[in-house]
Amino acid sequence: MKKKLGIISIIIFILSAALGIREYFFIGSFFPGDTVTSIVIFFLATGLPPVIGLIFSFFSKKGDLKIIGMIGNGAVMILTIVWPLTIRILLGEFGG
């Protein structure tokens, strides 16, 4: 069971990394404009899976799967949640 959690964590990492790359480099946004809908879909597609994958990797068996899952999902989480939120706060575009 713990090995399956590690495999699921790596699959989530690969999918969320692919969606993140697609979002940042090829499309720019799922919908035209900066609507609330596009922000929610962006979070559900690229922000939530790494968090779930990170949780799965914590409970997986020790070894390569755990390390890859933790590093990969952590990196995607930083690039899709922490980095954009930090930029918005520092540039003063968050909440007026």
PDB file of N, CA and C in Angstrom:
ATOM      1  N   MET A   1       0.815  -1.201   0.000  1.00  0.00           N
ATOM      2  CA  MET A   1       0.000   0.000   0.000  1.00  0.00           C
ATOM      3  C   MET A   1       0.856   1.261   0.000  1.00  0.00           C
ATOM      4  N   LYS A   2       1.935   1.239   0.787  1.00  0.00           N
ATOM      5  CA  LYS A   2       2.782   2.425   0.864  1.00  0.00           C
ATOM      6  C   LYS A   2       3.537   2.656  -0.437  1.00  0.00           C
ATOM      7  N   LYS A   3       3.888   1.586  -1.152  1.00  0.00           N
ATOM      8  CA  LYS A   3       4.560   1.741  -2.433  1.00  0.00           C
ATOM      9  C   LYS A   3       3.602   2.348  -3.457  1.00  0.00           C
ATOM     10  N   LYS A   4       2.321   1.972  -3.396  1.00  0.00           N
ATOM     11  CA  LYS A   4       1.331   2.536  -4.310  1.00  0.00           C
ATOM     12  C   LYS A   4       1.161   4.034  -4.067  1.00  0.00           C
ATOM     13  N   LEU A   5       1.237   4.461  -2.818  1.00  0.00           N
ATOM     14  CA  LEU A   5       1.147   5.894  -2.524  1.00  0.00           C
ATOM     15  C   LEU A   5       2.305   6.653  -3.153  1.00  0.00           C
ATOM     16  N   GLY A   6       3.509   6.065  -3.141  1.00  0.00           N
ATOM     17  CA  GLY A   6       4.660   6.687  -3.780  1.00  0.00           C
ATOM     18  C   GLY A   6       4.488   6.795  -5.284  1.00  0.00           C
ATOM     19  N   ILE A   7       3.941   5.755  -5.899  1.00  0.00           N
ATOM     20  CA  ILE A   7       3.709   5.781  -7.347  1.00  0.00           C
ATOM     21  C   ILE A   7       2.644   6.811  -7.692  1.00  0.00           C
ATOM     22  N   ILE A   8       1.568   6.868  -6.906  1.00  0.00           N
ATOM     23  CA  ILE A   8       0.522   7.870  -7.132  1.00  0.00           C
ATOM     24  C   ILE A   8       1.090   9.278  -6.971  1.00  0.00           C
ATOM     25  N   SER A   9       1.962   9.475  -6.000  1.00  0.00           N
ATOM     26  CA  SER A   9       2.578  10.774  -5.777  1.00  0.00           C
ATOM     27  C   SER A   9       3.409  11.208  -6.981  1.00  0.00           C
ATOM     28  N   ILE A  10       4.155  10.279  -7.564  1.00  0.00           N
ATOM     29  CA  ILE A  10       4.966  10.615  -8.735  1.00  0.00           C
ATOM     30  C   ILE A  10       4.083  10.887  -9.945  1.00  0.00           C
ATOM     31  N   ILE A  11       3.004  10.140 -10.105  1.00  0.00           N
ATOM     32  CA  ILE A  11       2.077  10.390 -11.218  1.00  0.00           C
ATOM     33  C   ILE A  11       1.444  11.770 -11.069  1.00  0.00           C
ATOM     34  N   ILE A  12       1.049  12.130  -9.868  1.00  0.00           N
ATOM     35  CA  ILE A  12       0.488  13.464  -9.616  1.00  0.00           C
ATOM     36  C   ILE A  12       1.534  14.535  -9.910  1.00  0.00           C
ATOM     37  N   PHE A  13       2.780  14.294  -9.539  1.00  0.00           N
ATOM     38  CA  PHE A  13       3.853  15.249  -9.822  1.00  0.00           C
ATOM     39  C   PHE A  13       4.014  15.458 -11.323  1.00  0.00           C
ATOM     40  N   ILE A  14       4.045  14.393 -12.092  1.00  0.00           N
ATOM     41  CA  ILE A  14       4.234  14.510 -13.541  1.00  0.00           C
ATOM     42  C   ILE A  14       3.059  15.242 -14.183  1.00  0.00           C
ATOM     43  N   LEU A  15       1.838  14.904 -13.783  1.00  0.00           N
ATOM     44  CA  LEU A  15       0.665  15.565 -14.353  1.00  0.00           C
ATOM     45  C   LEU A  15       0.607  17.049 -13.987  1.00  0.00           C
ATOM     46  N   SER A  16       0.866  17.370 -12.737  1.00  0.00           N
ATOM     47  CA  SER A  16       0.809  18.778 -12.335  1.00  0.00           C
ATOM     48  C   SER A  16       1.958  19.580 -12.928  1.00  0.00           C
ATOM     49  N   ALA A  17       3.118  18.959 -13.117  1.00  0.00           N
ATOM     50  CA  ALA A  17       4.221  19.659 -13.771  1.00  0.00           C
ATOM     51  C   ALA A  17       3.876  19.930 -15.232  1.00  0.00           C
ATOM     52  N   ALA A  18       3.258  18.958 -15.901  1.00  0.00           N
ATOM     53  CA  ALA A  18       2.861  19.155 -17.303  1.00  0.00           C
ATOM     54  C   ALA A  18       1.806  20.251 -17.416  1.00  0.00           C
ATOM     55  N   LEU A  19       0.829  20.259 -16.519  1.00  0.00           N
ATOM     56  CA  LEU A  19      -0.187  21.314 -16.551  1.00  0.00           C
ATOM     57  C   LEU A  19       0.417  22.673 -16.216  1.00  0.00           C
ATOM     58  N   GLY A  20       1.355  22.708 -15.289  1.00  0.00           N
ATOM     59  CA  GLY A  20       2.010  23.970 -14.944  1.00  0.00           C
ATOM     60  C   GLY A  20       2.828  24.526 -16.089  1.00  0.00           C
ATOM     61  N   ILE A  21       3.557  23.659 -16.777  1.00  0.00           N
ATOM     62  CA  ILE A  21       4.332  24.098 -17.942  1.00  0.00           C
ATOM     63  C   ILE A  21       3.401  24.596 -19.036  1.00  0.00           C
ATOM     64  N   ARG A  22       2.309  23.864 -19.239  1.00  0.00           N
ATOM     65  CA  ARG A  22       1.332  24.280 -20.241  1.00  0.00           C
ATOM     66  C   ARG A  22       0.763  25.653 -19.893  1.00  0.00           C
ATOM     67  N   GLU A  23       0.462  25.869 -18.644  1.00  0.00           N
ATOM     68  CA  GLU A  23      -0.139  27.129 -18.218  1.00  0.00           C
ATOM     69  C   GLU A  23       0.831  28.299 -18.352  1.00  0.00           C
ATOM     70  N   TYR A  24       2.063  28.122 -17.888  1.00  0.00           N
ATOM     71  CA  TYR A  24       3.009  29.228 -17.861  1.00  0.00           C
ATOM     72  C   TYR A  24       3.568  29.582 -19.232  1.00  0.00           C
ATOM     73  N   PHE A  25       3.888  28.592 -20.042  1.00  0.00           N
ATOM     74  CA  PHE A  25       4.650  28.868 -21.249  1.00  0.00           C
ATOM     75  C   PHE A  25       3.837  28.874 -22.530  1.00  0.00           C
ATOM     76  N   PHE A  26       2.735  28.167 -22.576  1.00  0.00           N
ATOM     77  CA  PHE A  26       2.039  28.037 -23.848  1.00  0.00           C
ATOM     78  C   PHE A  26       0.715  28.763 -23.910  1.00  0.00           C
ATOM     79  N   ILE A  27      -0.012  28.854 -22.820  1.00  0.00           N
ATOM     80  CA  ILE A  27      -1.351  29.408 -22.886  1.00  0.00           C
ATOM     81  C   ILE A  27      -1.442  30.756 -22.173  1.00  0.00           C
ATOM     82  N   GLY A  28      -0.920  30.852 -20.988  1.00  0.00           N
ATOM     83  CA  GLY A  28      -1.008  32.095 -20.233  1.00  0.00           C
ATOM     84  C   GLY A  28      -2.196  32.114 -19.302  1.00  0.00           C
ATOM     85  N   SER A  29      -3.287  31.493 -19.699  1.00  0.00           N
ATOM     86  CA  SER A  29      -4.461  31.378 -18.859  1.00  0.00           C
ATOM     87  C   SER A  29      -5.430  30.399 -19.506  1.00  0.00           C
ATOM     88  N   PHE A  30      -6.227  29.743 -18.693  1.00  0.00           N
ATOM     89  CA  PHE A  30      -7.206  28.820 -19.244  1.00  0.00           C
ATOM     90  C   PHE A  30      -8.343  29.560 -19.934  1.00  0.00           C
ATOM     91  N   PHE A  31      -8.680  30.735 -19.446  1.00  0.00           N
ATOM     92  CA  PHE A  31      -9.717  31.554 -20.048  1.00  0.00           C
ATOM     93  C   PHE A  31      -9.140  32.931 -20.336  1.00  0.00           C
ATOM     94  N   PRO A  32      -9.649  33.624 -21.352  1.00  0.00           N
ATOM     95  CA  PRO A  32      -9.151  34.984 -21.599  1.00  0.00           C
ATOM     96  C   PRO A  32      -9.512  35.914 -20.447  1.00  0.00           C
ATOM     97  N   GLY A  33      -8.592  36.755 -20.073  1.00  0.00           N
ATOM     98  CA  GLY A  33      -8.817  37.681 -18.972  1.00  0.00           C
ATOM     99  C   GLY A  33      -8.491  37.062 -17.634  1.00  0.00           C
ATOM    100  N   ASP A  34      -8.391  37.888 -16.630  1.00  0.00           N
ATOM    101  CA  ASP A  34      -8.088  37.418 -15.283  1.00  0.00           C
ATOM    102  C   ASP A  34      -9.374  37.330 -14.473  1.00  0.00           C
ATOM    103  N   THR A  35     -10.201  36.373 -14.790  1.00  0.00           N
ATOM    104  CA  THR A  35     -11.467  36.222 -14.091  1.00  0.00           C
ATOM    105  C   THR A  35     -11.281  35.305 -12.890  1.00  0.00           C
ATOM    106  N   VAL A  36     -12.244  35.330 -12.009  1.00  0.00           N
ATOM    107  CA  VAL A  36     -12.200  34.464 -10.837  1.00  0.00           C
ATOM    108  C   VAL A  36     -12.256  33.006 -11.262  1.00  0.00           C
ATOM    109  N   THR A  37     -13.018  32.725 -12.316  1.00  0.00           N
ATOM    110  CA  THR A  37     -13.134  31.353 -12.804  1.00  0.00           C
ATOM    111  C   THR A  37     -11.785  30.821 -13.260  1.00  0.00           C
ATOM    112  N   SER A  38     -11.020  31.620 -13.985  1.00  0.00           N
ATOM    113  CA  SER A  38      -9.720  31.149 -14.457  1.00  0.00           C
ATOM    114  C   SER A  38      -8.746  30.940 -13.301  1.00  0.00           C
ATOM    115  N   ILE A  39      -8.828  31.759 -12.273  1.00  0.00           N
ATOM    116  CA  ILE A  39      -7.956  31.597 -11.114  1.00  0.00           C
ATOM    117  C   ILE A  39      -8.307  30.326 -10.349  1.00  0.00           C
ATOM    118  N   VAL A  40      -9.602  30.048 -10.187  1.00  0.00           N
ATOM    119  CA  VAL A  40     -10.029  28.837  -9.488  1.00  0.00           C
ATOM    120  C   VAL A  40      -9.625  27.594 -10.268  1.00  0.00           C
ATOM    121  N   ILE A  41      -9.825  27.603 -11.584  1.00  0.00           N
ATOM    122  CA  ILE A  41      -9.441  26.449 -12.403  1.00  0.00           C
ATOM    123  C   ILE A  41      -7.928  26.278 -12.405  1.00  0.00           C
ATOM    124  N   PHE A  42      -7.172  27.367 -12.434  1.00  0.00           N
ATOM    125  CA  PHE A  42      -5.719  27.271 -12.367  1.00  0.00           C
ATOM    126  C   PHE A  42      -5.289  26.628 -11.055  1.00  0.00           C
ATOM    127  N   PHE A  43      -5.901  27.042  -9.945  1.00  0.00           N
ATOM    128  CA  PHE A  43      -5.547  26.463  -8.645  1.00  0.00           C
ATOM    129  C   PHE A  43      -5.910  24.986  -8.581  1.00  0.00           C
ATOM    130  N   LEU A  44      -7.090  24.628  -9.079  1.00  0.00           N
ATOM    131  CA  LEU A  44      -7.504  23.222  -9.040  1.00  0.00           C
ATOM    132  C   LEU A  44      -6.658  22.349  -9.951  1.00  0.00           C
ATOM    133  N   ALA A  45      -6.165  22.911 -11.055  1.00  0.00           N
ATOM    134  CA  ALA A  45      -5.388  22.117 -12.005  1.00  0.00           C
ATOM    135  C   ALA A  45      -3.911  22.046 -11.645  1.00  0.00           C
ATOM    136  N   THR A  46      -3.346  23.121 -11.127  1.00  0.00           N
ATOM    137  CA  THR A  46      -1.898  23.135 -10.891  1.00  0.00           C
ATOM    138  C   THR A  46      -1.503  23.358  -9.438  1.00  0.00           C
ATOM    139  N   GLY A  47      -2.399  23.836  -8.598  1.00  0.00           N
ATOM    140  CA  GLY A  47      -2.038  24.107  -7.217  1.00  0.00           C
ATOM    141  C   GLY A  47      -2.429  23.015  -6.242  1.00  0.00           C
ATOM    142  N   LEU A  48      -3.572  22.414  -6.453  1.00  0.00           N
ATOM    143  CA  LEU A  48      -4.060  21.400  -5.527  1.00  0.00           C
ATOM    144  C   LEU A  48      -3.385  20.036  -5.696  1.00  0.00           C
ATOM    145  N   PRO A  49      -3.140  19.549  -6.906  1.00  0.00           N
ATOM    146  CA  PRO A  49      -2.487  18.231  -7.038  1.00  0.00           C
ATOM    147  C   PRO A  49      -1.122  18.110  -6.363  1.00  0.00           C
ATOM    148  N   PRO A  50      -0.234  19.127  -6.419  1.00  0.00           N
ATOM    149  CA  PRO A  50       1.032  18.962  -5.705  1.00  0.00           C
ATOM    150  C   PRO A  50       0.871  18.846  -4.192  1.00  0.00           C
ATOM    151  N   VAL A  51      -0.122  19.511  -3.640  1.00  0.00           N
ATOM    152  CA  VAL A  51      -0.366  19.407  -2.203  1.00  0.00           C
ATOM    153  C   VAL A  51      -0.799  17.979  -1.864  1.00  0.00           C
ATOM    154  N   ILE A  52      -1.704  17.425  -2.680  1.00  0.00           N
ATOM    155  CA  ILE A  52      -2.148  16.046  -2.468  1.00  0.00           C
ATOM    156  C   ILE A  52      -0.980  15.083  -2.672  1.00  0.00           C
ATOM    157  N   GLY A  53      -0.177  15.313  -3.720  1.00  0.00           N
ATOM    158  CA  GLY A  53       0.981  14.458  -3.973  1.00  0.00           C
ATOM    159  C   GLY A  53       2.013  14.530  -2.861  1.00  0.00           C
ATOM    160  N   LEU A  54       2.196  15.708  -2.283  1.00  0.00           N
ATOM    161  CA  LEU A  54       3.131  15.862  -1.164  1.00  0.00           C
ATOM    162  C   LEU A  54       2.641  15.088   0.056  1.00  0.00           C
ATOM    163  N   ILE A  55       1.348  15.139   0.316  1.00  0.00           N
ATOM    164  CA  ILE A  55       0.785  14.376   1.433  1.00  0.00           C
ATOM    165  C   ILE A  55       0.964  12.879   1.191  1.00  0.00           C
ATOM    166  N   PHE A  56       0.689  12.422  -0.041  1.00  0.00           N
ATOM    167  CA  PHE A  56       0.883  11.003  -0.361  1.00  0.00           C
ATOM    168  C   PHE A  56       2.342  10.596  -0.206  1.00  0.00           C
ATOM    169  N   SER A  57       3.257  11.465  -0.597  1.00  0.00           N
ATOM    170  CA  SER A  57       4.672  11.106  -0.496  1.00  0.00           C
ATOM    171  C   SER A  57       5.135  11.022   0.957  1.00  0.00           C
ATOM    172  N   PHE A  58       4.524  11.795   1.861  1.00  0.00           N
ATOM    173  CA  PHE A  58       4.866  11.681   3.273  1.00  0.00           C
ATOM    174  C   PHE A  58       4.520  10.301   3.825  1.00  0.00           C
ATOM    175  N   PHE A  59       3.434   9.716   3.330  1.00  0.00           N
ATOM    176  CA  PHE A  59       2.979   8.431   3.835  1.00  0.00           C
ATOM    177  C   PHE A  59       3.486   7.252   3.020  1.00  0.00           C
ATOM    178  N   SER A  60       4.287   7.499   1.991  1.00  0.00           N
ATOM    179  CA  SER A  60       4.789   6.398   1.170  1.00  0.00           C
ATOM    180  C   SER A  60       6.000   5.739   1.834  1.00  0.00           C
ATOM    181  N   LYS A  61       6.390   4.610   1.266  1.00  0.00           N
ATOM    182  CA  LYS A  61       7.510   3.835   1.788  1.00  0.00           C
ATOM    183  C   LYS A  61       8.814   4.589   1.554  1.00  0.00           C
ATOM    184  N   LYS A  62       9.765   4.471   2.464  1.00  0.00           N
ATOM    185  CA  LYS A  62      11.058   5.134   2.314  1.00  0.00           C
ATOM    186  C   LYS A  62      11.754   4.631   1.063  1.00  0.00           C
ATOM    187  N   GLY A  63      12.435   5.539   0.399  1.00  0.00           N
ATOM    188  CA  GLY A  63      13.170   5.151  -0.796  1.00  0.00           C
ATOM    189  C   GLY A  63      13.084   6.215  -1.869  1.00  0.00           C
ATOM    190  N   ASP A  64      13.378   5.790  -3.087  1.00  0.00           N
ATOM    191  CA  ASP A  64      13.432   6.722  -4.206  1.00  0.00           C
ATOM    192  C   ASP A  64      12.082   7.344  -4.518  1.00  0.00           C
ATOM    193  N   LEU A  65      11.018   6.560  -4.441  1.00  0.00           N
ATOM    194  CA  LEU A  65       9.683   7.092  -4.746  1.00  0.00           C
ATOM    195  C   LEU A  65       9.304   8.219  -3.797  1.00  0.00           C
ATOM    196  N   LYS A  66       9.654   8.061  -2.536  1.00  0.00           N
ATOM    197  CA  LYS A  66       9.339   9.089  -1.541  1.00  0.00           C
ATOM    198  C   LYS A  66      10.130  10.368  -1.811  1.00  0.00           C
ATOM    199  N   ILE A  67      11.401  10.220  -2.108  1.00  0.00           N
ATOM    200  CA  ILE A  67      12.259  11.387  -2.352  1.00  0.00           C
ATOM    201  C   ILE A  67      11.821  12.127  -3.607  1.00  0.00           C
ATOM    202  N   ILE A  68      11.590  11.380  -4.693  1.00  0.00           N
ATOM    203  CA  ILE A  68      11.171  12.013  -5.945  1.00  0.00           C
ATOM    204  C   ILE A  68       9.819  12.699  -5.763  1.00  0.00           C
ATOM    205  N   GLY A  69       8.892  12.040  -5.083  1.00  0.00           N
ATOM    206  CA  GLY A  69       7.577  12.628  -4.847  1.00  0.00           C
ATOM    207  C   GLY A  69       7.643  13.894  -4.017  1.00  0.00           C
ATOM    208  N   MET A  70       8.459  13.877  -2.975  1.00  0.00           N
ATOM    209  CA  MET A  70       8.554  15.058  -2.108  1.00  0.00           C
ATOM    210  C   MET A  70       9.230  16.226  -2.822  1.00  0.00           C
ATOM    211  N   ILE A  71      10.336  15.972  -3.480  1.00  0.00           N
ATOM    212  CA  ILE A  71      11.056  17.056  -4.171  1.00  0.00           C
ATOM    213  C   ILE A  71      10.241  17.586  -5.347  1.00  0.00           C
ATOM    214  N   GLY A  72       9.700  16.679  -6.142  1.00  0.00           N
ATOM    215  CA  GLY A  72       8.945  17.104  -7.328  1.00  0.00           C
ATOM    216  C   GLY A  72       7.692  17.866  -6.975  1.00  0.00           C
ATOM    217  N   ASN A  73       6.874  17.315  -6.090  1.00  0.00           N
ATOM    218  CA  ASN A  73       5.639  17.998  -5.707  1.00  0.00           C
ATOM    219  C   ASN A  73       5.930  19.291  -4.950  1.00  0.00           C
ATOM    220  N   GLY A  74       7.001  19.302  -4.152  1.00  0.00           N
ATOM    221  CA  GLY A  74       7.374  20.540  -3.465  1.00  0.00           C
ATOM    222  C   GLY A  74       7.792  21.632  -4.437  1.00  0.00           C
ATOM    223  N   ALA A  75       8.550  21.254  -5.464  1.00  0.00           N
ATOM    224  CA  ALA A  75       8.980  22.238  -6.462  1.00  0.00           C
ATOM    225  C   ALA A  75       7.796  22.781  -7.254  1.00  0.00           C
ATOM    226  N   VAL A  76       6.893  21.909  -7.651  1.00  0.00           N
ATOM    227  CA  VAL A  76       5.712  22.364  -8.391  1.00  0.00           C
ATOM    228  C   VAL A  76       4.836  23.235  -7.503  1.00  0.00           C
ATOM    229  N   MET A  77       4.725  22.886  -6.226  1.00  0.00           N
ATOM    230  CA  MET A  77       3.933  23.685  -5.299  1.00  0.00           C
ATOM    231  C   MET A  77       4.541  25.078  -5.126  1.00  0.00           C
ATOM    232  N   ILE A  78       5.842  25.153  -5.030  1.00  0.00           N
ATOM    233  CA  ILE A  78       6.496  26.463  -4.915  1.00  0.00           C
ATOM    234  C   ILE A  78       6.271  27.295  -6.171  1.00  0.00           C
ATOM    235  N   LEU A  79       6.387  26.672  -7.338  1.00  0.00           N
ATOM    236  CA  LEU A  79       6.236  27.414  -8.586  1.00  0.00           C
ATOM    237  C   LEU A  79       4.793  27.799  -8.895  1.00  0.00           C
ATOM    238  N   THR A  80       3.816  27.042  -8.403  1.00  0.00           N
ATOM    239  CA  THR A  80       2.432  27.341  -8.749  1.00  0.00           C
ATOM    240  C   THR A  80       1.645  28.032  -7.644  1.00  0.00           C
ATOM    241  N   ILE A  81       2.084  27.946  -6.400  1.00  0.00           N
ATOM    242  CA  ILE A  81       1.341  28.582  -5.306  1.00  0.00           C
ATOM    243  C   ILE A  81       2.163  29.691  -4.654  1.00  0.00           C
ATOM    244  N   VAL A  82       3.337  29.355  -4.162  1.00  0.00           N
ATOM    245  CA  VAL A  82       4.128  30.295  -3.368  1.00  0.00           C
ATOM    246  C   VAL A  82       4.662  31.447  -4.222  1.00  0.00           C
ATOM    247  N   TRP A  83       5.251  31.125  -5.359  1.00  0.00           N
ATOM    248  CA  TRP A  83       5.860  32.160  -6.205  1.00  0.00           C
ATOM    249  C   TRP A  83       4.830  33.180  -6.707  1.00  0.00           C
ATOM    250  N   PRO A  84       3.696  32.773  -7.319  1.00  0.00           N
ATOM    251  CA  PRO A  84       2.727  33.781  -7.756  1.00  0.00           C
ATOM    252  C   PRO A  84       2.132  34.594  -6.613  1.00  0.00           C
ATOM    253  N   LEU A  85       1.881  33.951  -5.467  1.00  0.00           N
ATOM    254  CA  LEU A  85       1.330  34.677  -4.327  1.00  0.00           C
ATOM    255  C   LEU A  85       2.332  35.694  -3.788  1.00  0.00           C
ATOM    256  N   THR A  86       3.605  35.333  -3.734  1.00  0.00           N
ATOM    257  CA  THR A  86       4.642  36.249  -3.272  1.00  0.00           C
ATOM    258  C   THR A  86       4.774  37.443  -4.210  1.00  0.00           C
ATOM    259  N   ILE A  87       4.758  37.193  -5.499  1.00  0.00           N
ATOM    260  CA  ILE A  87       4.858  38.281  -6.477  1.00  0.00           C
ATOM    261  C   ILE A  87       3.673  39.230  -6.344  1.00  0.00           C
ATOM    262  N   ARG A  88       2.471  38.682  -6.185  1.00  0.00           N
ATOM    263  CA  ARG A  88       1.292  39.543  -6.044  1.00  0.00           C
ATOM    264  C   ARG A  88       1.367  40.393  -4.779  1.00  0.00           C
ATOM    265  N   ILE A  89       1.847  39.806  -3.694  1.00  0.00           N
ATOM    266  CA  ILE A  89       1.936  40.568  -2.437  1.00  0.00           C
ATOM    267  C   ILE A  89       3.012  41.647  -2.559  1.00  0.00           C
ATOM    268  N   LEU A  90       4.170  41.293  -3.110  1.00  0.00           N
ATOM    269  CA  LEU A  90       5.255  42.268  -3.199  1.00  0.00           C
ATOM    270  C   LEU A  90       4.975  43.390  -4.173  1.00  0.00           C
ATOM    271  N   LEU A  91       4.232  43.110  -5.223  1.00  0.00           N
ATOM    272  CA  LEU A  91       3.911  44.158  -6.189  1.00  0.00           C
ATOM    273  C   LEU A  91       2.670  44.959  -5.819  1.00  0.00           C
ATOM    274  N   GLY A  92       2.023  44.593  -4.745  1.00  0.00           N
ATOM    275  CA  GLY A  92       0.877  45.351  -4.268  1.00  0.00           C
ATOM    276  C   GLY A  92      -0.379  45.127  -5.068  1.00  0.00           C
ATOM    277  N   GLU A  93      -0.486  44.024  -5.769  1.00  0.00           N
ATOM    278  CA  GLU A  93      -1.666  43.752  -6.583  1.00  0.00           C
ATOM    279  C   GLU A  93      -2.648  42.850  -5.850  1.00  0.00           C
ATOM    280  N   PHE A  94      -2.438  42.610  -4.600  1.00  0.00           N
ATOM    281  CA  PHE A  94      -3.270  41.674  -3.852  1.00  0.00           C
ATOM    282  C   PHE A  94      -4.167  42.448  -2.894  1.00  0.00           C
ATOM    283  N   GLY A  95      -5.421  42.538  -3.186  1.00  0.00           N
ATOM    284  CA  GLY A  95      -6.373  43.153  -2.276  1.00  0.00           C
ATOM    285  C   GLY A  95      -6.369  44.666  -2.267  1.00  0.00           C
ATOM    286  N   GLY A  96      -5.808  45.296  -3.249  1.00  0.00           N
ATOM    287  CA  GLY A  96      -5.906  46.744  -3.342  1.00  0.00           C
ATOM    288  C   GLY A  96      -4.714  47.397  -2.848  1.00  0.00           C
TER     289      GLY A  96
END
